[in-house]
Amino acid sequence: MIAVRQAGATASFRVRLQPKASRDAIMGETDGALRLRVSAPPVEGRANEACLRLLAKALDLPVSRLEIVAGQQARVKTIQVADASADLLRTALSNLLEHLHR
């Protein structure tokens, strides 16, 4: 299960990002983090941008509500979602993972 934390009006969770993949995709969950692949290279923030776009599309949120708050240069990143409830985000991520296994 993906660990989601609440801090005031924001919720956050971790992702493990694999850049330079053959395609953009959500792969599942590992050690409490959402596993993502993006085709963008880790150059000039392109993989980070692709990560945020992929998450925004999957969670049906505007990209402007998502921000990488830790791990900009690392594979494991902390994503913060503005104006979000941890419970709703946890449910959305669970539904997303459940949909992958069908």
Protein backbone atom coordinates (compact mmCIF):
# COMPACT_ATOMS: atom_id res chain seq x y z
CA MET A 1 0.00 0.00 0.00
CA ILE A 2 1.24 3.46 -0.87
CA ALA A 3 1.94 5.61 2.19
CA VAL A 4 0.11 8.95 1.99
CA ARG A 5 0.75 11.66 4.57
CA GLN A 6 -1.38 14.69 5.39
CA ALA A 7 0.19 18.04 6.35
CA GLY A 8 -2.33 20.85 6.59
CA ALA A 9 -4.09 21.28 3.25
CA THR A 10 -1.57 19.14 1.37
CA ALA A 11 -1.04 15.40 1.04
CA SER A 12 2.18 13.71 -0.05
CA PHE A 13 3.39 10.33 -1.22
CA ARG A 14 6.57 8.83 -2.66
CA VAL A 15 7.27 7.64 -6.20
CA ARG A 16 10.14 5.60 -7.61
CA LEU A 17 10.89 6.93 -11.09
CA GLN A 18 12.65 5.14 -13.93
CA PRO A 19 13.65 7.61 -16.66
CA LYS A 20 14.51 6.73 -20.28
CA ALA A 21 11.95 3.90 -20.41
CA SER A 22 10.35 2.78 -23.65
CA ARG A 23 7.03 4.39 -22.65
CA ASP A 24 5.35 6.36 -19.87
CA ALA A 25 3.52 4.04 -17.47
CA ILE A 26 2.50 3.38 -13.91
CA MET A 27 4.02 0.04 -12.99
CA GLY A 28 2.71 -0.65 -9.49
CA GLU A 29 3.92 -0.25 -5.93
CA THR A 30 7.23 -1.02 -4.19
CA ASP A 31 8.07 -0.40 -0.53
CA GLY A 32 5.20 2.07 -0.06
CA ALA A 33 6.09 4.08 -3.20
CA LEU A 34 4.31 4.26 -6.55
CA ARG A 35 6.55 2.92 -9.38
CA LEU A 36 6.58 5.01 -12.56
CA ARG A 37 8.39 4.83 -15.88
CA VAL A 38 8.82 7.81 -18.18
CA SER A 39 10.44 7.98 -21.58
CA ALA A 40 12.02 11.39 -20.86
CA PRO A 41 15.71 11.46 -19.94
CA PRO A 42 16.86 12.77 -16.54
CA VAL A 43 18.26 15.92 -18.13
CA GLU A 44 17.20 19.50 -17.35
CA GLY A 45 14.24 18.28 -15.29
CA ARG A 46 12.51 16.58 -18.23
CA ALA A 47 11.94 13.29 -16.36
CA ASN A 48 10.52 15.20 -13.39
CA GLU A 49 8.12 17.11 -15.66
CA ALA A 50 7.04 13.86 -17.34
CA CYS A 51 6.51 12.32 -13.90
CA LEU A 52 4.20 15.15 -12.82
CA ARG A 53 2.27 15.06 -16.12
CA LEU A 54 1.77 11.28 -15.85
CA LEU A 55 0.54 11.56 -12.25
CA ALA A 56 -1.76 14.49 -13.02
CA LYS A 57 -3.37 12.58 -15.88
CA ALA A 58 -3.73 9.37 -13.83
CA LEU A 59 -5.21 11.19 -10.83
CA ASP A 60 -7.34 13.55 -12.96
CA LEU A 61 -5.75 16.63 -11.38
CA PRO A 62 -4.18 19.76 -12.88
CA VAL A 63 -0.38 19.57 -12.98
CA SER A 64 -0.25 22.85 -11.06
CA ARG A 65 -1.47 21.05 -7.90
CA LEU A 66 1.45 18.60 -7.98
CA GLU A 67 5.00 19.39 -6.89
CA ILE A 68 8.17 17.40 -6.29
CA VAL A 69 9.23 18.50 -2.80
CA ALA A 70 12.11 16.05 -2.26
CA GLY A 71 14.34 13.97 -4.51
CA GLN A 72 14.57 16.22 -7.58
CA GLN A 73 17.88 14.53 -8.51
CA ALA A 74 17.01 11.07 -7.13
CA ARG A 75 14.92 8.15 -8.34
CA VAL A 76 12.77 8.20 -5.20
CA LYS A 77 10.81 11.45 -5.02
CA THR A 78 8.22 12.90 -2.68
CA ILE A 79 5.20 14.32 -4.49
CA GLN A 80 3.04 16.89 -2.73
CA VAL A 81 -0.56 17.49 -3.82
CA ALA A 82 -2.04 20.87 -2.90
CA ASP A 83 -5.60 21.11 -1.55
CA ALA A 84 -5.86 17.34 -1.18
CA SER A 85 -7.12 14.96 1.45
CA ALA A 86 -4.84 12.04 2.28
CA ASP A 87 -7.88 9.73 2.42
CA LEU A 88 -9.10 10.73 -1.04
CA LEU A 89 -5.59 10.49 -2.48
CA ARG A 90 -5.08 7.07 -0.88
CA THR A 91 -8.36 5.89 -2.43
CA ALA A 92 -7.42 7.27 -5.86
CA LEU A 93 -4.01 5.59 -5.75
CA SER A 94 -5.54 2.28 -4.62
CA ASN A 95 -8.06 2.43 -7.47
CA LEU A 96 -5.24 3.18 -9.88
CA LEU A 97 -3.23 0.17 -8.72
CA GLU A 98 -6.31 -2.06 -8.76
CA HIS A 99 -6.99 -1.02 -12.35
CA LEU A 100 -3.42 -2.02 -13.33
CA HIS A 101 -3.94 -5.60 -12.20
CA ARG A 102 -7.03 -6.20 -14.31
